[in-house]
Amino acid sequence: MDLGLSGKIVLVTGGSKGIGFACAEGFLAEGARVAICSRSAENVNRALAGLPGAVGFTADLTQAGEAAALVDKVEAELGPIDVLVNSAGAARRVAPDDLTPAAWHAAMDAKYFSYVHVIDPVIKRMAARGAGVIVNVIGNGGKVASPVHIAGGAANAALMLATAGLGTAYAGRGVRVVGVNPGLTETGRVAEGMISTAKLAGVTPEQARSDAIRRIPMGRMARPEEVASTVLYLASARASYVTAVTISMDGAASPVIL
């Protein structure tokens, strides 16, 4: 299926690893012009070696000024951004007794504000041009509370509300805003999170992983490429009437009616 993404200017935040990297790969395969960013120059350079044709930038997206500067740099080098995919940042999983006000703030900075700081300048420019798509990779922790992901889940829930609200607010101005909620996915972030899950349950990380997979009806975690395929579809004109919603991808782990 031709998704009509050839020549589109795409910015993937968090594009150096995991789901973000898989998204960047997918857009490149569709002929898009892709920029990625990460806080780490080393991670950007490593990723670019596997993303021929992409360009990379470093930015700490928890800082609004750096996020705005990133958008300026991408548009100066590639042109106006047609598609923004937010996949940067992830809140640390923290056991309830280890939560502090600082941990709550850190979770919002890592997940919520790292998205909002980029969305704000991009969505206004898209609206001025009358076209654009923003896809937020969020996470099902915003819908299903986990004892080790309360602060991060709250940030995810806030992003789901922002996605619905912005999608509604800009629907009449040619901009779509959609979200994807992956469940457990084969990424380094999920592997790190299993350590906190294991600590709370008093088991090894390997046992925590096995227990988690046992609760997924499909019997496995998602692959980053599977999430990326959904992101690409939502970013394309094939999904031109889809906005202000967040789609779950969790292998039927949380079979709820939305």
C-alpha atoms as a PDB file:
ATOM      1  CA  MET A   1       0.000   0.000   0.000  1.00  0.00           C
ATOM      2  CA  ASP A   2       1.353   3.390  -1.009  1.00  0.00           C
ATOM      3  CA  LEU A   3       0.819   5.654   2.003  1.00  0.00           C
ATOM      4  CA  GLY A   4       1.587   8.811   0.050  1.00  0.00           C
ATOM      5  CA  LEU A   5       4.370   9.857   2.403  1.00  0.00           C
ATOM      6  CA  SER A   6       7.068  10.315  -0.215  1.00  0.00           C
ATOM      7  CA  GLY A   7       8.706  13.719   0.100  1.00  0.00           C
ATOM      8  CA  LYS A   8       7.003  14.539   3.382  1.00  0.00           C
ATOM      9  CA  ILE A   9       9.121  16.277   6.026  1.00  0.00           C
ATOM     10  CA  VAL A  10       8.994  14.216   9.203  1.00  0.00           C
ATOM     11  CA  LEU A  11      10.457  14.927  12.638  1.00  0.00           C
ATOM     12  CA  VAL A  12      10.689  11.951  14.990  1.00  0.00           C
ATOM     13  CA  THR A  13      11.608  12.898  18.540  1.00  0.00           C
ATOM     14  CA  GLY A  14      13.313  10.078  20.379  1.00  0.00           C
ATOM     15  CA  GLY A  15      14.198   8.664  16.991  1.00  0.00           C
ATOM     16  CA  SER A  16      17.524   7.189  18.020  1.00  0.00           C
ATOM     17  CA  LYS A  17      16.112   4.105  19.761  1.00  0.00           C
ATOM     18  CA  GLY A  18      13.202   1.738  20.104  1.00  0.00           C
ATOM     19  CA  ILE A  19       9.843   2.733  18.665  1.00  0.00           C
ATOM     20  CA  GLY A  20      11.142   6.117  17.516  1.00  0.00           C
ATOM     21  CA  PHE A  21      13.946   4.501  15.524  1.00  0.00           C
ATOM     22  CA  ALA A  22      11.489   2.041  13.958  1.00  0.00           C
ATOM     23  CA  CYS A  23       9.254   4.953  12.971  1.00  0.00           C
ATOM     24  CA  ALA A  24      12.173   6.793  11.363  1.00  0.00           C
ATOM     25  CA  GLU A  25      13.061   3.638   9.421  1.00  0.00           C
ATOM     26  CA  GLY A  26       9.492   3.254   8.246  1.00  0.00           C
ATOM     27  CA  PHE A  27       9.152   6.837   7.034  1.00  0.00           C
ATOM     28  CA  LEU A  28      12.455   6.605   5.176  1.00  0.00           C
ATOM     29  CA  ALA A  29      11.265   3.433   3.458  1.00  0.00           C
ATOM     30  CA  GLU A  30       8.181   5.374   2.309  1.00  0.00           C
ATOM     31  CA  GLY A  31      10.378   8.063   0.764  1.00  0.00           C
ATOM     32  CA  ALA A  32       9.929  10.717   3.428  1.00  0.00           C
ATOM     33  CA  ARG A  33      12.662  13.132   4.473  1.00  0.00           C
ATOM     34  CA  VAL A  34      13.351  12.376   8.117  1.00  0.00           C
ATOM     35  CA  ALA A  35      14.923  14.195  11.039  1.00  0.00           C
ATOM     36  CA  ILE A  36      15.485  12.559  14.412  1.00  0.00           C
ATOM     37  CA  CYS A  37      16.543  13.973  17.748  1.00  0.00           C
ATOM     38  CA  SER A  38      17.867  12.778  21.075  1.00  0.00           C
ATOM     39  CA  ARG A  39      19.529  14.328  24.096  1.00  0.00           C
ATOM     40  CA  SER A  40      22.619  12.255  23.331  1.00  0.00           C
ATOM     41  CA  ALA A  41      24.852  13.084  20.357  1.00  0.00           C
ATOM     42  CA  GLU A  42      26.307   9.592  20.634  1.00  0.00           C
ATOM     43  CA  ASN A  43      22.867   8.029  20.301  1.00  0.00           C
ATOM     44  CA  VAL A  44      22.024  10.257  17.340  1.00  0.00           C
ATOM     45  CA  ASN A  45      25.231   9.351  15.514  1.00  0.00           C
ATOM     46  CA  ARG A  46      24.745   5.653  16.185  1.00  0.00           C
ATOM     47  CA  ALA A  47      21.169   5.800  14.917  1.00  0.00           C
ATOM     48  CA  LEU A  48      22.057   7.751  11.774  1.00  0.00           C
ATOM     49  CA  ALA A  49      24.426   4.960  10.770  1.00  0.00           C
ATOM     50  CA  GLY A  50      21.319   2.796  10.407  1.00  0.00           C
ATOM     51  CA  LEU A  51      19.118   5.510   8.901  1.00  0.00           C
ATOM     52  CA  PRO A  52      20.726   6.480   5.584  1.00  0.00           C
ATOM     53  CA  GLY A  53      19.390   9.793   4.364  1.00  0.00           C
ATOM     54  CA  ALA A  54      18.119  10.981   7.741  1.00  0.00           C
ATOM     55  CA  VAL A  55      19.475  13.991   9.598  1.00  0.00           C
ATOM     56  CA  GLY A  56      19.925  14.202  13.354  1.00  0.00           C
ATOM     57  CA  PHE A  57      19.886  16.838  16.059  1.00  0.00           C
ATOM     58  CA  THR A  58      20.498  16.921  19.794  1.00  0.00           C
ATOM     59  CA  ALA A  59      18.089  18.653  22.159  1.00  0.00           C
ATOM     60  CA  ASP A  60      16.816  18.350  25.704  1.00  0.00           C
ATOM     61  CA  LEU A  61      13.087  18.540  25.067  1.00  0.00           C
ATOM     62  CA  THR A  62      12.274  19.070  28.734  1.00  0.00           C
ATOM     63  CA  GLN A  63      13.501  22.609  28.012  1.00  0.00           C
ATOM     64  CA  ALA A  64      11.024  24.671  25.978  1.00  0.00           C
ATOM     65  CA  GLY A  65      13.770  26.820  24.455  1.00  0.00           C
ATOM     66  CA  GLU A  66      15.713  23.830  23.166  1.00  0.00           C
ATOM     67  CA  ALA A  67      12.549  22.290  21.733  1.00  0.00           C
ATOM     68  CA  ALA A  68      11.685  25.490  19.855  1.00  0.00           C
ATOM     69  CA  ALA A  69      15.255  25.757  18.569  1.00  0.00           C
ATOM     70  CA  LEU A  70      15.064  22.160  17.344  1.00  0.00           C
ATOM     71  CA  VAL A  71      11.970  22.938  15.293  1.00  0.00           C
ATOM     72  CA  ASP A  72      13.697  25.961  13.774  1.00  0.00           C
ATOM     73  CA  LYS A  73      16.763  23.876  12.862  1.00  0.00           C
ATOM     74  CA  VAL A  74      14.736  21.090  11.254  1.00  0.00           C
ATOM     75  CA  GLU A  75      12.686  23.497   9.178  1.00  0.00           C
ATOM     76  CA  ALA A  76      15.770  25.479   8.164  1.00  0.00           C
ATOM     77  CA  GLU A  77      17.469  22.313   6.870  1.00  0.00           C
ATOM     78  CA  LEU A  78      14.547  20.290   5.478  1.00  0.00           C
ATOM     79  CA  GLY A  79      11.577  22.615   5.169  1.00  0.00           C
ATOM     80  CA  PRO A  80       8.226  22.934   6.962  1.00  0.00           C
ATOM     81  CA  ILE A  81       7.392  19.894   9.068  1.00  0.00           C
ATOM     82  CA  ASP A  82       4.494  17.865   7.626  1.00  0.00           C
ATOM     83  CA  VAL A  83       4.497  15.131  10.273  1.00  0.00           C
ATOM     84  CA  LEU A  84       5.645  15.238  13.885  1.00  0.00           C
ATOM     85  CA  VAL A  85       6.033  11.934  15.706  1.00  0.00           C
ATOM     86  CA  ASN A  86       6.653  12.299  19.422  1.00  0.00           C
ATOM     87  CA  SER A  87       8.451   9.323  20.919  1.00  0.00           C
ATOM     88  CA  ALA A  88      11.008  11.022  23.156  1.00  0.00           C
ATOM     89  CA  GLY A  89      11.298  10.547  26.861  1.00  0.00           C
ATOM     90  CA  ALA A  90       9.930   7.997  29.277  1.00  0.00           C
ATOM     91  CA  ALA A  91       9.194   8.356  32.946  1.00  0.00           C
ATOM     92  CA  ARG A  92      11.166   6.066  35.243  1.00  0.00           C
ATOM     93  CA  ARG A  93       9.146   3.303  36.845  1.00  0.00           C
ATOM     94  CA  VAL A  94       9.146   3.890  40.587  1.00  0.00           C
ATOM     95  CA  ALA A  95       7.714   1.774  43.402  1.00  0.00           C
ATOM     96  CA  PRO A  96       4.955   3.624  45.323  1.00  0.00           C
ATOM     97  CA  ASP A  97       7.011   3.967  48.520  1.00  0.00           C
ATOM     98  CA  ASP A  98       9.834   5.541  46.508  1.00  0.00           C
ATOM     99  CA  LEU A  99       7.659   8.256  44.957  1.00  0.00           C
ATOM    100  CA  THR A 100       8.466  11.823  45.964  1.00  0.00           C
ATOM    101  CA  PRO A 101       7.276  15.205  44.682  1.00  0.00           C
ATOM    102  CA  ALA A 102      10.525  15.341  42.724  1.00  0.00           C
ATOM    103  CA  ALA A 103       9.713  12.006  41.093  1.00  0.00           C
ATOM    104  CA  TRP A 104       6.282  13.269  40.053  1.00  0.00           C
ATOM    105  CA  HIS A 105       7.810  16.398  38.515  1.00  0.00           C
ATOM    106  CA  ALA A 106      10.475  14.323  36.762  1.00  0.00           C
ATOM    107  CA  ALA A 107       7.809  12.082  35.237  1.00  0.00           C
ATOM    108  CA  MET A 108       5.893  15.048  33.837  1.00  0.00           C
ATOM    109  CA  ASP A 109       9.080  16.599  32.467  1.00  0.00           C
ATOM    110  CA  ALA A 110      10.266  13.349  30.891  1.00  0.00           C
ATOM    111  CA  LYS A 111       7.025  12.356  29.210  1.00  0.00           C
ATOM    112  CA  TYR A 112       4.486  15.194  29.129  1.00  0.00           C
ATOM    113  CA  PHE A 113       6.510  18.368  28.687  1.00  0.00           C
ATOM    114  CA  SER A 114       9.020  16.733  26.327  1.00  0.00           C
ATOM    115  CA  TYR A 115       6.049  16.295  23.966  1.00  0.00           C
ATOM    116  CA  VAL A 116       4.222  19.565  24.656  1.00  0.00           C
ATOM    117  CA  HIS A 117       7.336  21.679  24.173  1.00  0.00           C
ATOM    118  CA  VAL A 118       7.653  20.420  20.589  1.00  0.00           C
ATOM    119  CA  ILE A 119       3.950  20.256  19.818  1.00  0.00           C
ATOM    120  CA  ASP A 120       3.384  23.900  20.704  1.00  0.00           C
ATOM    121  CA  PRO A 121       5.508  25.537  17.995  1.00  0.00           C
ATOM    122  CA  VAL A 122       4.837  22.826  15.403  1.00  0.00           C
ATOM    123  CA  ILE A 123       1.047  22.744  15.637  1.00  0.00           C
ATOM    124  CA  LYS A 124       0.785  26.520  15.303  1.00  0.00           C
ATOM    125  CA  ARG A 125       2.936  26.486  12.171  1.00  0.00           C
ATOM    126  CA  MET A 126       0.950  23.588  10.733  1.00  0.00           C
ATOM    127  CA  ALA A 127      -2.305  25.455  11.399  1.00  0.00           C
ATOM    128  CA  ALA A 128      -0.972  28.564   9.692  1.00  0.00           C
ATOM    129  CA  ARG A 129      -0.233  26.416   6.602  1.00  0.00           C
ATOM    130  CA  GLY A 130      -3.542  24.558   6.887  1.00  0.00           C
ATOM    131  CA  ALA A 131      -2.042  21.054   6.989  1.00  0.00           C
ATOM    132  CA  GLY A 132      -0.108  18.668   9.206  1.00  0.00           C
ATOM    133  CA  VAL A 133      -0.252  15.555  11.352  1.00  0.00           C
ATOM    134  CA  ILE A 134       1.020  14.947  14.875  1.00  0.00           C
ATOM    135  CA  VAL A 135       1.252  11.397  16.204  1.00  0.00           C
ATOM    136  CA  ASN A 136       1.987  10.973  19.904  1.00  0.00           C
ATOM    137  CA  VAL A 137       3.404   7.632  21.023  1.00  0.00           C
ATOM    138  CA  ILE A 138       2.059   7.593  24.562  1.00  0.00           C
ATOM    139  CA  GLY A 139       1.535   4.264  26.330  1.00  0.00           C
ATOM    140  CA  ASN A 140      -1.275   2.285  27.913  1.00  0.00           C
ATOM    141  CA  GLY A 141      -0.017   3.250  31.373  1.00  0.00           C
ATOM    142  CA  GLY A 142      -2.223   6.306  30.931  1.00  0.00           C
ATOM    143  CA  LYS A 143      -5.322   4.087  30.922  1.00  0.00           C
ATOM    144  CA  VAL A 144      -4.403   1.185  33.172  1.00  0.00           C
ATOM    145  CA  ALA A 145      -2.819   2.088  36.504  1.00  0.00           C
ATOM    146  CA  SER A 146       0.311   0.178  37.463  1.00  0.00           C
ATOM    147  CA  PRO A 147       1.789   0.316  41.005  1.00  0.00           C
ATOM    148  CA  VAL A 148       5.244   1.023  39.585  1.00  0.00           C
ATOM    149  CA  HIS A 149       4.102   3.492  36.940  1.00  0.00           C
ATOM    150  CA  ILE A 150       1.785   5.873  38.767  1.00  0.00           C
ATOM    151  CA  ALA A 151       3.642   9.111  38.048  1.00  0.00           C
ATOM    152  CA  GLY A 152       4.497   8.100  34.494  1.00  0.00           C
ATOM    153  CA  GLY A 153       0.956   6.860  33.929  1.00  0.00           C
ATOM    154  CA  ALA A 154      -0.387  10.220  35.076  1.00  0.00           C
ATOM    155  CA  ALA A 155       1.837  11.926  32.488  1.00  0.00           C
ATOM    156  CA  ASN A 156       0.533   9.532  29.829  1.00  0.00           C
ATOM    157  CA  ALA A 157      -3.073  10.266  30.820  1.00  0.00           C
ATOM    158  CA  ALA A 158      -2.384  13.989  30.514  1.00  0.00           C
ATOM    159  CA  LEU A 159      -0.980  13.421  27.020  1.00  0.00           C
ATOM    160  CA  MET A 160      -4.082  11.501  26.009  1.00  0.00           C
ATOM    161  CA  LEU A 161      -6.220  14.460  27.098  1.00  0.00           C
ATOM    162  CA  ALA A 162      -3.927  16.897  25.273  1.00  0.00           C
ATOM    163  CA  THR A 163      -4.153  14.736  22.143  1.00  0.00           C
ATOM    164  CA  ALA A 164      -7.954  14.736  22.226  1.00  0.00           C
ATOM    165  CA  GLY A 165      -8.158  18.433  23.045  1.00  0.00           C
ATOM    166  CA  LEU A 166      -5.668  19.642  20.448  1.00  0.00           C
ATOM    167  CA  GLY A 167      -7.100  17.297  17.833  1.00  0.00           C
ATOM    168  CA  THR A 168     -10.503  18.853  18.393  1.00  0.00           C
ATOM    169  CA  ALA A 169      -9.226  22.426  18.560  1.00  0.00           C
ATOM    170  CA  TYR A 170      -7.277  22.185  15.284  1.00  0.00           C
ATOM    171  CA  ALA A 171      -9.567  19.843  13.318  1.00  0.00           C
ATOM    172  CA  GLY A 172     -11.049  22.739  11.362  1.00  0.00           C
ATOM    173  CA  ARG A 173      -7.616  24.122  10.516  1.00  0.00           C
ATOM    174  CA  GLY A 174      -6.245  21.134   8.620  1.00  0.00           C
ATOM    175  CA  VAL A 175      -4.215  19.572  11.449  1.00  0.00           C
ATOM    176  CA  ARG A 176      -4.794  16.079  12.806  1.00  0.00           C
ATOM    177  CA  VAL A 177      -3.536  15.002  16.247  1.00  0.00           C
ATOM    178  CA  VAL A 178      -3.668  11.319  17.141  1.00  0.00           C
ATOM    179  CA  GLY A 179      -2.111   9.049  19.726  1.00  0.00           C
ATOM    180  CA  VAL A 180      -0.893   5.466  19.897  1.00  0.00           C
ATOM    181  CA  ASN A 181      -0.809   3.586  23.186  1.00  0.00           C
ATOM    182  CA  PRO A 182       1.629   0.686  22.943  1.00  0.00           C
ATOM    183  CA  GLY A 183       1.515  -1.929  25.642  1.00  0.00           C
ATOM    184  CA  LEU A 184       4.700  -3.815  26.512  1.00  0.00           C
ATOM    185  CA  THR A 185       7.092  -3.559  23.584  1.00  0.00           C
ATOM    186  CA  GLU A 186      10.511  -5.119  22.997  1.00  0.00           C
ATOM    187  CA  THR A 187      12.576  -2.026  23.787  1.00  0.00           C
ATOM    188  CA  GLY A 188      15.368  -1.102  26.167  1.00  0.00           C
ATOM    189  CA  ARG A 189      12.979   1.138  28.109  1.00  0.00           C
ATOM    190  CA  VAL A 190      10.639  -1.733  28.864  1.00  0.00           C
ATOM    191  CA  ALA A 191      13.564  -3.922  29.878  1.00  0.00           C
ATOM    192  CA  GLU A 192      14.691  -1.240  32.344  1.00  0.00           C
ATOM    193  CA  GLY A 193      11.156  -0.937  33.688  1.00  0.00           C
ATOM    194  CA  MET A 194      11.077  -4.645  34.464  1.00  0.00           C
ATOM    195  CA  ILE A 195      13.724  -4.035  37.115  1.00  0.00           C
ATOM    196  CA  SER A 196      11.338  -1.865  39.165  1.00  0.00           C
ATOM    197  CA  THR A 197       8.482  -4.291  38.568  1.00  0.00           C
ATOM    198  CA  ALA A 198      10.653  -7.166  39.765  1.00  0.00           C
ATOM    199  CA  LYS A 199      11.751  -5.240  42.849  1.00  0.00           C
ATOM    200  CA  LEU A 200       8.167  -4.567  43.911  1.00  0.00           C
ATOM    201  CA  ALA A 201       7.111  -8.175  43.306  1.00  0.00           C
ATOM    202  CA  GLY A 202      10.202  -9.659  44.933  1.00  0.00           C
ATOM    203  CA  VAL A 203      11.175 -11.653  41.856  1.00  0.00           C
ATOM    204  CA  THR A 204      13.953 -11.560  39.269  1.00  0.00           C
ATOM    205  CA  PRO A 205      13.590  -9.324  36.199  1.00  0.00           C
ATOM    206  CA  GLU A 206      13.427 -12.482  34.089  1.00  0.00           C
ATOM    207  CA  GLN A 207      10.502 -13.770  36.124  1.00  0.00           C
ATOM    208  CA  ALA A 208       8.802 -10.377  35.973  1.00  0.00           C
ATOM    209  CA  ARG A 209       9.114 -10.467  32.189  1.00  0.00           C
ATOM    210  CA  SER A 210       7.684 -13.983  31.974  1.00  0.00           C
ATOM    211  CA  ASP A 211       4.788 -13.032  34.240  1.00  0.00           C
ATOM    212  CA  ALA A 212       4.056  -9.934  32.157  1.00  0.00           C
ATOM    213  CA  ILE A 213       4.011 -11.871  28.885  1.00  0.00           C
ATOM    214  CA  ARG A 214       1.743 -14.490  30.442  1.00  0.00           C
ATOM    215  CA  ARG A 215      -0.863 -11.756  30.969  1.00  0.00           C
ATOM    216  CA  ILE A 216      -0.870 -10.781  27.274  1.00  0.00           C
ATOM    217  CA  PRO A 217      -3.449 -12.844  25.358  1.00  0.00           C
ATOM    218  CA  MET A 218      -1.330 -12.684  22.184  1.00  0.00           C
ATOM    219  CA  GLY A 219       1.474 -14.331  24.156  1.00  0.00           C
ATOM    220  CA  ARG A 220       4.240 -11.878  23.353  1.00  0.00           C
ATOM    221  CA  MET A 221       5.287  -8.251  23.528  1.00  0.00           C
ATOM    222  CA  ALA A 222       4.880  -5.964  20.536  1.00  0.00           C
ATOM    223  CA  ARG A 223       7.781  -5.370  18.180  1.00  0.00           C
ATOM    224  CA  PRO A 224       8.772  -1.731  17.609  1.00  0.00           C
ATOM    225  CA  GLU A 225       8.129  -2.194  13.894  1.00  0.00           C
ATOM    226  CA  GLU A 226       4.505  -3.117  14.581  1.00  0.00           C
ATOM    227  CA  VAL A 227       3.929   0.106  16.477  1.00  0.00           C
ATOM    228  CA  ALA A 228       5.723   2.047  13.738  1.00  0.00           C
ATOM    229  CA  SER A 229       3.426   0.586  11.071  1.00  0.00           C
ATOM    230  CA  THR A 230       0.413   1.981  12.916  1.00  0.00           C
ATOM    231  CA  VAL A 231       2.120   5.355  13.335  1.00  0.00           C
ATOM    232  CA  LEU A 232       2.850   5.549   9.598  1.00  0.00           C
ATOM    233  CA  TYR A 233      -0.727   4.697   8.696  1.00  0.00           C
ATOM    234  CA  LEU A 234      -2.106   7.351  11.065  1.00  0.00           C
ATOM    235  CA  ALA A 235       0.326   9.912   9.645  1.00  0.00           C
ATOM    236  CA  SER A 236      -0.817   9.204   6.099  1.00  0.00           C
ATOM    237  CA  ALA A 237      -3.775  10.436   4.080  1.00  0.00           C
ATOM    238  CA  ARG A 238      -5.214   6.932   4.401  1.00  0.00           C
ATOM    239  CA  ALA A 239      -6.244   8.012   7.925  1.00  0.00           C
ATOM    240  CA  SER A 240      -7.432  11.453   6.849  1.00  0.00           C
ATOM    241  CA  TYR A 241     -10.618  11.328   8.963  1.00  0.00           C
ATOM    242  CA  VAL A 242      -8.928  10.098  12.143  1.00  0.00           C
ATOM    243  CA  THR A 243      -8.101  12.715  14.753  1.00  0.00           C
ATOM    244  CA  ALA A 244      -8.432  13.498  18.474  1.00  0.00           C
ATOM    245  CA  VAL A 245      -8.233   9.807  19.442  1.00  0.00           C
ATOM    246  CA  THR A 246      -5.634   7.491  20.966  1.00  0.00           C
ATOM    247  CA  ILE A 247      -5.437   3.907  19.747  1.00  0.00           C
ATOM    248  CA  SER A 248      -4.345   1.091  22.060  1.00  0.00           C
ATOM    249  CA  MET A 249      -1.901  -1.589  20.905  1.00  0.00           C
ATOM    250  CA  ASP A 250      -1.428  -4.011  23.780  1.00  0.00           C
ATOM    251  CA  GLY A 251      -2.133  -7.476  22.390  1.00  0.00           C
ATOM    252  CA  ALA A 252      -5.566  -7.497  24.102  1.00  0.00           C
ATOM    253  CA  ALA A 253      -4.000  -7.143  27.553  1.00  0.00           C
ATOM    254  CA  SER A 254      -6.653  -4.541  28.454  1.00  0.00           C
ATOM    255  CA  PRO A 255      -9.815  -5.462  26.498  1.00  0.00           C
ATOM    256  CA  VAL A 256     -11.917  -2.396  27.235  1.00  0.00           C
ATOM    257  CA  ILE A 257     -14.594  -0.548  25.275  1.00  0.00           C
ATOM    258  CA  LEU A 258     -13.630   3.027  24.472  1.00  0.00           C
END
